[in-house]
Amino acid sequence: MEILIWLGAAVSLAGLVGLIWCIVTVWKARKAGLSDEAMRATMQKVVPINTAALFLSVIGLMMVVIGILLS
């Protein structure tokens, strides 16, 4: 079950990278002083990626916990 733990850690890390990308993207948009419409467009682009990244992180952590419980 060690492979499940490492696989889960990798999936969780991929989710974390996605979350960091979302944070940086929104931070740059806020610093750029975009108009309300441009900020909305940026946020609409980031929200689905943020949700997918959170999903990946949760699945990865679940894989790690299951791997630990089964070993």
PDB file of N, CA and C in Angstrom:
ATOM      1  N   MET A   1       0.803  -1.207   0.000  1.00  0.00           N
ATOM      2  CA  MET A   1       0.000   0.000   0.000  1.00  0.00           C
ATOM      3  C   MET A   1       0.845   1.271   0.000  1.00  0.00           C
ATOM      4  N   GLU A   2       2.146   1.074   0.033  1.00  0.00           N
ATOM      5  CA  GLU A   2       3.031   2.242   0.025  1.00  0.00           C
ATOM      6  C   GLU A   2       2.866   3.046  -1.264  1.00  0.00           C
ATOM      7  N   ILE A   3       2.607   2.343  -2.369  1.00  0.00           N
ATOM      8  CA  ILE A   3       2.431   3.034  -3.645  1.00  0.00           C
ATOM      9  C   ILE A   3       1.201   3.944  -3.606  1.00  0.00           C
ATOM     10  N   LEU A   4       0.152   3.517  -2.887  1.00  0.00           N
ATOM     11  CA  LEU A   4      -1.063   4.328  -2.766  1.00  0.00           C
ATOM     12  C   LEU A   4      -0.770   5.611  -1.989  1.00  0.00           C
ATOM     13  N   ILE A   5       0.076   5.501  -0.989  1.00  0.00           N
ATOM     14  CA  ILE A   5       0.444   6.690  -0.209  1.00  0.00           C
ATOM     15  C   ILE A   5       1.207   7.682  -1.082  1.00  0.00           C
ATOM     16  N   TRP A   6       2.195   7.185  -1.837  1.00  0.00           N
ATOM     17  CA  TRP A   6       2.983   8.080  -2.685  1.00  0.00           C
ATOM     18  C   TRP A   6       2.156   8.643  -3.827  1.00  0.00           C
ATOM     19  N   LEU A   7       1.264   7.829  -4.387  1.00  0.00           N
ATOM     20  CA  LEU A   7       0.374   8.309  -5.445  1.00  0.00           C
ATOM     21  C   LEU A   7      -0.554   9.400  -4.907  1.00  0.00           C
ATOM     22  N   GLY A   8      -1.081   9.172  -3.722  1.00  0.00           N
ATOM     23  CA  GLY A   8      -1.950  10.171  -3.094  1.00  0.00           C
ATOM     24  C   GLY A   8      -1.213  11.466  -2.799  1.00  0.00           C
ATOM     25  N   ALA A   9       0.036  11.343  -2.363  1.00  0.00           N
ATOM     26  CA  ALA A   9       0.834  12.544  -2.105  1.00  0.00           C
ATOM     27  C   ALA A   9       1.075  13.326  -3.387  1.00  0.00           C
ATOM     28  N   ALA A  10       1.319  12.601  -4.489  1.00  0.00           N
ATOM     29  CA  ALA A  10       1.539  13.278  -5.773  1.00  0.00           C
ATOM     30  C   ALA A  10       0.269  13.972  -6.258  1.00  0.00           C
ATOM     31  N   VAL A  11      -0.873  13.308  -6.115  1.00  0.00           N
ATOM     32  CA  VAL A  11      -2.151  13.905  -6.534  1.00  0.00           C
ATOM     33  C   VAL A  11      -2.455  15.124  -5.678  1.00  0.00           C
ATOM     34  N   SER A  12      -2.221  15.009  -4.389  1.00  0.00           N
ATOM     35  CA  SER A  12      -2.452  16.133  -3.486  1.00  0.00           C
ATOM     36  C   SER A  12      -1.520  17.300  -3.805  1.00  0.00           C
ATOM     37  N   LEU A  13      -0.286  16.998  -4.153  1.00  0.00           N
ATOM     38  CA  LEU A  13       0.663  18.038  -4.534  1.00  0.00           C
ATOM     39  C   LEU A  13       0.231  18.741  -5.823  1.00  0.00           C
ATOM     40  N   ALA A  14      -0.308  17.974  -6.768  1.00  0.00           N
ATOM     41  CA  ALA A  14      -0.825  18.583  -8.001  1.00  0.00           C
ATOM     42  C   ALA A  14      -1.973  19.537  -7.690  1.00  0.00           C
ATOM     43  N   GLY A  15      -2.836  19.149  -6.766  1.00  0.00           N
ATOM     44  CA  GLY A  15      -3.922  20.030  -6.346  1.00  0.00           C
ATOM     45  C   GLY A  15      -3.402  21.286  -5.674  1.00  0.00           C
ATOM     46  N   LEU A  16      -2.369  21.138  -4.874  1.00  0.00           N
ATOM     47  CA  LEU A  16      -1.771  22.287  -4.202  1.00  0.00           C
ATOM     48  C   LEU A  16      -1.163  23.260  -5.212  1.00  0.00           C
ATOM     49  N   VAL A  17      -0.520  22.721  -6.243  1.00  0.00           N
ATOM     50  CA  VAL A  17       0.039  23.575  -7.295  1.00  0.00           C
ATOM     51  C   VAL A  17      -1.084  24.346  -7.996  1.00  0.00           C
ATOM     52  N   GLY A  18      -2.203  23.681  -8.240  1.00  0.00           N
ATOM     53  CA  GLY A  18      -3.351  24.351  -8.847  1.00  0.00           C
ATOM     54  C   GLY A  18      -3.896  25.459  -7.966  1.00  0.00           C
ATOM     55  N   LEU A  19      -3.963  25.219  -6.676  1.00  0.00           N
ATOM     56  CA  LEU A  19      -4.445  26.251  -5.752  1.00  0.00           C
ATOM     57  C   LEU A  19      -3.502  27.448  -5.717  1.00  0.00           C
ATOM     58  N   ILE A  20      -2.206  27.180  -5.725  1.00  0.00           N
ATOM     59  CA  ILE A  20      -1.230  28.280  -5.735  1.00  0.00           C
ATOM     60  C   ILE A  20      -1.351  29.078  -7.022  1.00  0.00           C
ATOM     61  N   TRP A  21      -1.575  28.394  -8.144  1.00  0.00           N
ATOM     62  CA  TRP A  21      -1.755  29.101  -9.417  1.00  0.00           C
ATOM     63  C   TRP A  21      -2.979  30.018  -9.342  1.00  0.00           C
ATOM     64  N   CYS A  22      -4.071  29.531  -8.757  1.00  0.00           N
ATOM     65  CA  CYS A  22      -5.278  30.350  -8.618  1.00  0.00           C
ATOM     66  C   CYS A  22      -5.022  31.580  -7.756  1.00  0.00           C
ATOM     67  N   ILE A  23      -4.324  31.390  -6.654  1.00  0.00           N
ATOM     68  CA  ILE A  23      -4.025  32.511  -5.760  1.00  0.00           C
ATOM     69  C   ILE A  23      -3.177  33.557  -6.464  1.00  0.00           C
ATOM     70  N   VAL A  24      -2.146  33.111  -7.162  1.00  0.00           N
ATOM     71  CA  VAL A  24      -1.256  34.047  -7.864  1.00  0.00           C
ATOM     72  C   VAL A  24      -2.007  34.783  -8.968  1.00  0.00           C
ATOM     73  N   THR A  25      -2.856  34.078  -9.706  1.00  0.00           N
ATOM     74  CA  THR A  25      -3.604  34.698 -10.798  1.00  0.00           C
ATOM     75  C   THR A  25      -4.529  35.799 -10.287  1.00  0.00           C
ATOM     76  N   VAL A  26      -5.263  35.510  -9.212  1.00  0.00           N
ATOM     77  CA  VAL A  26      -6.181  36.516  -8.665  1.00  0.00           C
ATOM     78  C   VAL A  26      -5.403  37.660  -8.029  1.00  0.00           C
ATOM     79  N   TRP A  27      -4.295  37.346  -7.388  1.00  0.00           N
ATOM     80  CA  TRP A  27      -3.479  38.389  -6.776  1.00  0.00           C
ATOM     81  C   TRP A  27      -2.950  39.355  -7.832  1.00  0.00           C
ATOM     82  N   LYS A  28      -2.471  38.803  -8.945  1.00  0.00           N
ATOM     83  CA  LYS A  28      -1.975  39.657 -10.033  1.00  0.00           C
ATOM     84  C   LYS A  28      -3.100  40.509 -10.619  1.00  0.00           C
ATOM     85  N   ALA A  29      -4.286  39.925 -10.739  1.00  0.00           N
ATOM     86  CA  ALA A  29      -5.420  40.682 -11.284  1.00  0.00           C
ATOM     87  C   ALA A  29      -5.808  41.821 -10.343  1.00  0.00           C
ATOM     88  N   ARG A  30      -5.762  41.571  -9.048  1.00  0.00           N
ATOM     89  CA  ARG A  30      -6.097  42.638  -8.090  1.00  0.00           C
ATOM     90  C   ARG A  30      -5.059  43.747  -8.119  1.00  0.00           C
ATOM     91  N   LYS A  31      -3.776  43.369  -8.208  1.00  0.00           N
ATOM     92  CA  LYS A  31      -2.714  44.383  -8.244  1.00  0.00           C
ATOM     93  C   LYS A  31      -2.737  45.191  -9.538  1.00  0.00           C
ATOM     94  N   ALA A  32      -3.235  44.591 -10.620  1.00  0.00           N
ATOM     95  CA  ALA A  32      -3.267  45.279 -11.905  1.00  0.00           C
ATOM     96  C   ALA A  32      -4.338  46.363 -11.940  1.00  0.00           C
ATOM     97  N   GLY A  33      -5.246  46.342 -10.975  1.00  0.00           N
ATOM     98  CA  GLY A  33      -6.290  47.362 -10.932  1.00  0.00           C
ATOM     99  C   GLY A  33      -7.250  47.257 -12.107  1.00  0.00           C
ATOM    100  N   LEU A  34      -7.646  46.053 -12.421  1.00  0.00           N
ATOM    101  CA  LEU A  34      -8.543  45.829 -13.551  1.00  0.00           C
ATOM    102  C   LEU A  34      -9.923  46.416 -13.288  1.00  0.00           C
ATOM    103  N   SER A  35     -10.641  46.650 -14.360  1.00  0.00           N
ATOM    104  CA  SER A  35     -12.019  47.124 -14.220  1.00  0.00           C
ATOM    105  C   SER A  35     -12.875  45.998 -13.647  1.00  0.00           C
ATOM    106  N   ASP A  36     -14.090  46.356 -13.281  1.00  0.00           N
ATOM    107  CA  ASP A  36     -14.988  45.381 -12.674  1.00  0.00           C
ATOM    108  C   ASP A  36     -15.283  44.225 -13.633  1.00  0.00           C
ATOM    109  N   GLU A  37     -15.491  44.535 -14.887  1.00  0.00           N
ATOM    110  CA  GLU A  37     -15.779  43.493 -15.889  1.00  0.00           C
ATOM    111  C   GLU A  37     -14.580  42.572 -16.104  1.00  0.00           C
ATOM    112  N   ALA A  38     -13.408  43.145 -16.188  1.00  0.00           N
ATOM    113  CA  ALA A  38     -12.203  42.333 -16.391  1.00  0.00           C
ATOM    114  C   ALA A  38     -11.924  41.458 -15.171  1.00  0.00           C
ATOM    115  N   MET A  39     -12.179  42.006 -13.988  1.00  0.00           N
ATOM    116  CA  MET A  39     -11.978  41.215 -12.769  1.00  0.00           C
ATOM    117  C   MET A  39     -12.966  40.057 -12.712  1.00  0.00           C
ATOM    118  N   ARG A  40     -14.203  40.315 -13.127  1.00  0.00           N
ATOM    119  CA  ARG A  40     -15.200  39.236 -13.166  1.00  0.00           C
ATOM    120  C   ARG A  40     -14.799  38.151 -14.149  1.00  0.00           C
ATOM    121  N   ALA A  41     -14.303  38.539 -15.292  1.00  0.00           N
ATOM    122  CA  ALA A  41     -13.867  37.562 -16.293  1.00  0.00           C
ATOM    123  C   ALA A  41     -12.715  36.717 -15.757  1.00  0.00           C
ATOM    124  N   THR A  42     -11.787  37.356 -15.071  1.00  0.00           N
ATOM    125  CA  THR A  42     -10.672  36.620 -14.483  1.00  0.00           C
ATOM    126  C   THR A  42     -11.167  35.648 -13.421  1.00  0.00           C
ATOM    127  N   MET A  43     -12.064  36.106 -12.573  1.00  0.00           N
ATOM    128  CA  MET A  43     -12.602  35.246 -11.516  1.00  0.00           C
ATOM    129  C   MET A  43     -13.399  34.083 -12.100  1.00  0.00           C
ATOM    130  N   GLN A  44     -14.151  34.329 -13.162  1.00  0.00           N
ATOM    131  CA  GLN A  44     -14.922  33.254 -13.790  1.00  0.00           C
ATOM    132  C   GLN A  44     -14.012  32.201 -14.401  1.00  0.00           C
ATOM    133  N   LYS A  45     -12.831  32.616 -14.833  1.00  0.00           N
ATOM    134  CA  LYS A  45     -11.866  31.664 -15.377  1.00  0.00           C
ATOM    135  C   LYS A  45     -11.198  30.858 -14.265  1.00  0.00           C
ATOM    136  N   VAL A  46     -10.991  31.472 -13.114  1.00  0.00           N
ATOM    137  CA  VAL A  46     -10.237  30.847 -12.037  1.00  0.00           C
ATOM    138  C   VAL A  46     -11.101  29.905 -11.185  1.00  0.00           C
ATOM    139  N   VAL A  47     -12.375  30.203 -11.019  1.00  0.00           N
ATOM    140  CA  VAL A  47     -13.225  29.425 -10.112  1.00  0.00           C
ATOM    141  C   VAL A  47     -13.294  27.937 -10.473  1.00  0.00           C
ATOM    142  N   PRO A  48     -13.513  27.545 -11.736  1.00  0.00           N
ATOM    143  CA  PRO A  48     -13.547  26.107 -12.024  1.00  0.00           C
ATOM    144  C   PRO A  48     -12.198  25.417 -11.788  1.00  0.00           C
ATOM    145  N   ILE A  49     -11.117  26.113 -12.069  1.00  0.00           N
ATOM    146  CA  ILE A  49      -9.790  25.533 -11.835  1.00  0.00           C
ATOM    147  C   ILE A  49      -9.550  25.389 -10.336  1.00  0.00           C
ATOM    148  N   ASN A  50      -9.997  26.374  -9.569  1.00  0.00           N
ATOM    149  CA  ASN A  50      -9.869  26.309  -8.117  1.00  0.00           C
ATOM    150  C   ASN A  50     -10.658  25.123  -7.555  1.00  0.00           C
ATOM    151  N   THR A  51     -11.858  24.921  -8.055  1.00  0.00           N
ATOM    152  CA  THR A  51     -12.677  23.797  -7.598  1.00  0.00           C
ATOM    153  C   THR A  51     -12.018  22.463  -7.944  1.00  0.00           C
ATOM    154  N   ALA A  52     -11.499  22.355  -9.145  1.00  0.00           N
ATOM    155  CA  ALA A  52     -10.823  21.115  -9.549  1.00  0.00           C
ATOM    156  C   ALA A  52      -9.569  20.870  -8.710  1.00  0.00           C
ATOM    157  N   ALA A  53      -8.838  21.926  -8.397  1.00  0.00           N
ATOM    158  CA  ALA A  53      -7.637  21.783  -7.581  1.00  0.00           C
ATOM    159  C   ALA A  53      -7.991  21.338  -6.160  1.00  0.00           C
ATOM    160  N   LEU A  54      -9.058  21.892  -5.612  1.00  0.00           N
ATOM    161  CA  LEU A  54      -9.504  21.452  -4.293  1.00  0.00           C
ATOM    162  C   LEU A  54      -9.924  19.989  -4.320  1.00  0.00           C
ATOM    163  N   PHE A  55     -10.614  19.592  -5.386  1.00  0.00           N
ATOM    164  CA  PHE A  55     -11.031  18.201  -5.546  1.00  0.00           C
ATOM    165  C   PHE A  55      -9.819  17.277  -5.602  1.00  0.00           C
ATOM    166  N   LEU A  56      -8.818  17.659  -6.378  1.00  0.00           N
ATOM    167  CA  LEU A  56      -7.595  16.858  -6.465  1.00  0.00           C
ATOM    168  C   LEU A  56      -6.909  16.729  -5.109  1.00  0.00           C
ATOM    169  N   SER A  57      -6.846  17.812  -4.372  1.00  0.00           N
ATOM    170  CA  SER A  57      -6.213  17.772  -3.061  1.00  0.00           C
ATOM    171  C   SER A  57      -6.951  16.839  -2.121  1.00  0.00           C
ATOM    172  N   VAL A  58      -8.269  16.904  -2.132  1.00  0.00           N
ATOM    173  CA  VAL A  58      -9.063  16.044  -1.255  1.00  0.00           C
ATOM    174  C   VAL A  58      -8.902  14.582  -1.653  1.00  0.00           C
ATOM    175  N   ILE A  59      -8.965  14.288  -2.942  1.00  0.00           N
ATOM    176  CA  ILE A  59      -8.801  12.903  -3.401  1.00  0.00           C
ATOM    177  C   ILE A  59      -7.411  12.382  -3.025  1.00  0.00           C
ATOM    178  N   GLY A  60      -6.398  13.204  -3.205  1.00  0.00           N
ATOM    179  CA  GLY A  60      -5.036  12.801  -2.847  1.00  0.00           C
ATOM    180  C   GLY A  60      -4.899  12.513  -1.359  1.00  0.00           C
ATOM    181  N   LEU A  61      -5.471  13.371  -0.531  1.00  0.00           N
ATOM    182  CA  LEU A  61      -5.398  13.143   0.905  1.00  0.00           C
ATOM    183  C   LEU A  61      -6.184  11.892   1.300  1.00  0.00           C
ATOM    184  N   MET A  62      -7.307  11.640   0.639  1.00  0.00           N
ATOM    185  CA  MET A  62      -8.059  10.427   0.915  1.00  0.00           C
ATOM    186  C   MET A  62      -7.249   9.188   0.534  1.00  0.00           C
ATOM    187  N   MET A  63      -6.535   9.260  -0.582  1.00  0.00           N
ATOM    188  CA  MET A  63      -5.689   8.154  -0.977  1.00  0.00           C
ATOM    189  C   MET A  63      -4.591   7.884   0.054  1.00  0.00           C
ATOM    190  N   VAL A  64      -4.006   8.947   0.581  1.00  0.00           N
ATOM    191  CA  VAL A  64      -2.965   8.788   1.593  1.00  0.00           C
ATOM    192  C   VAL A  64      -3.534   8.132   2.850  1.00  0.00           C
ATOM    193  N   VAL A  65      -4.685   8.598   3.296  1.00  0.00           N
ATOM    194  CA  VAL A  65      -5.302   8.039   4.511  1.00  0.00           C
ATOM    195  C   VAL A  65      -5.661   6.575   4.299  1.00  0.00           C
ATOM    196  N   ILE A  66      -6.231   6.253   3.139  1.00  0.00           N
ATOM    197  CA  ILE A  66      -6.590   4.858   2.854  1.00  0.00           C
ATOM    198  C   ILE A  66      -5.328   3.989   2.789  1.00  0.00           C
ATOM    199  N   GLY A  67      -4.288   4.514   2.185  1.00  0.00           N
ATOM    200  CA  GLY A  67      -3.015   3.779   2.129  1.00  0.00           C
ATOM    201  C   GLY A  67      -2.438   3.517   3.501  1.00  0.00           C
ATOM    202  N   ILE A  68      -2.548   4.511   4.386  1.00  0.00           N
ATOM    203  CA  ILE A  68      -2.047   4.340   5.752  1.00  0.00           C
ATOM    204  C   ILE A  68      -2.903   3.319   6.507  1.00  0.00           C
ATOM    205  N   LEU A  69      -4.215   3.403   6.347  1.00  0.00           N
ATOM    206  CA  LEU A  69      -5.092   2.475   7.050  1.00  0.00           C
ATOM    207  C   LEU A  69      -4.912   1.036   6.582  1.00  0.00           C
ATOM    208  N   LEU A  70      -4.608   0.850   5.313  1.00  0.00           N
ATOM    209  CA  LEU A  70      -4.475  -0.504   4.771  1.00  0.00           C
ATOM    210  C   LEU A  70      -3.075  -1.100   4.989  1.00  0.00           C
ATOM    211  N   SER A  71      -2.115  -0.273   5.396  1.00  0.00           N
ATOM    212  CA  SER A  71      -0.783  -0.853   5.591  1.00  0.00           C
ATOM    213  C   SER A  71      -0.563  -1.313   7.014  1.00  0.00           C
TER     214      SER A  71
END
